[in-house]
Amino acid sequence: MMRRVATLAACLAIAGAAHARPVAAQHLLVPMDDRQTNHLKAYGLVFNALRDGHKAEWFLNYRGGAFLMPDLQEMRRRATLDGILFEPIDNARLAAIRAEIAANNMDAVALERAPKIAIYTPPKAPPWDDAVTLALQYAGIEYTPVWDDEVIAGDLAKYDWLHLHHEDFTGQLNKLYLGFRDAPWFIEQRERGLTTARRLGYGTIPALKKAVAEKMRQYIENGGFLFAMCGATETLGLAIAAHQTDIAGSFADGTPIDENADQKLDWNRAFAFHNVHIEQNAFVNSMSDIDGHQVNVAGRRQPLGQFSLFGFSAKFDPVASMLVQDHRQVIPDFYGVTTSFTRQTLKPGVVILASEEGAPWVKYIHGDYGKGSWTFLGGHDPEDPQHNIGAAPTDLSLHPNSTGYRLILNNVLFPAAKKKPLKT
């Protein structure tokens, strides 16, 4: 009995001495593989650390795109409150990780400052949700809503990163008049658009939206980062290509679109697409042949499958690697006004980030434009594959490890990265 007491006392003495010594860890590793308990909140942890003046690193292709942060009590406290898994590591462990990264298809990218984020969203959001807004709110990442007044006034220059979602830059309101023209929310949306257009000196919604699209094109050309999903990906391209014409400006009230519309569009100015065929039947709820799934057109609608992220070399393609960091390579597909992008309409040089095997369309694309860059992700909400109008907003507390939402949040941190000279 005395021996057991003496052993216990010795253990307590050792534990007390260890507690009295400084903690050996100097860093926090936030793994982003299957062990992570809340992937989405982890992005908010990193973003807010950068906002507060701390530095971080992104370990591309290492444990699902892990993050390295300073070991500070405020970091531990927030991570614990948000249910984020973190691992305290010392310099020796960090050196071993860096050696592993150097020896494999991985890379370490410095994250320097939190980007200033703008989301293009109307004063009264429509009755269905924006996945990016949901992601930022859940992760605790601050952003500023902007709309037509701010864009026309040139306020985009204040921001590093701009997000667009299901807005229709052709001014046809995504042809929702076909099924919802008598709905109060649609009438309010249309009247708000007309009022804004006239106040800003434009006679119609299409004229205003083309001017807004042109401002966004200039924003990217001057060095901004654009991330778009759903219908905004397709209609922004149509509006930019039609900037000097009235092709995409028809309000789709039953008036046939010019049969020579395809030849009048200038795709040299657009980001991702060319050789596009415009839908000439105003009573068909489709804008063009950019979208491969044609979700709102009976007889054309394609079933959902799954898409695979491309595995990039982090050392040679760090930008593309950042955009596809995830803990799964194969992700269930999800519909949107624009769900996918047909290969035949993609410009040469567009980087395909994800596609469906054997399909004539891709899901996730990226490219440079002027001094800036753009990224398009098809579909509306990664955790609501059908997402019918009027559906309840997705509760991300039920999906803290969403692979699809991780793609959105990769884009949020992308502008924070210190760009390295390309090795090719």
Foldseek 3Di string as FASTA:
>chain_A
DVVVVVVVVVVVVVVVVQVPDPDQFFKKKQAFAPVWPFNLLVLLLQLVCQAVFFKKKWKFPPRLTIIMGTDDPVSVVVCVVLRTDIDGDHPVVVVVVVVVQVVDLIDIFIFHHAWAEEEAADPDHFLADFQLVVSCVSNVHDYHYDYLVCLLVLVLLVTQEYEYEAAALLQLRLLCCLPCVPPPRNVVVQVVLCVVCVVVPHRGSRLSSLSSLVSVLVSQQVAHEYEYEFNCVPRSQVSPQQSVHCQSNPNLPQDFGPPCSLVSGHNVSGDWFHPWAADRGSSASAGTVQAQQSCRGPPRHDDWDKKFFDDDRCQQCVLLSLLQRANDGIATAAAHSRRWGFPVTTDPPKAQGMQDPPDRTGAKIKDHHNNHIYIYGYHGHSVHRHRDRNDDYDDCVVVSRHRVSVSSSSSSSSVSTDDDDHPD
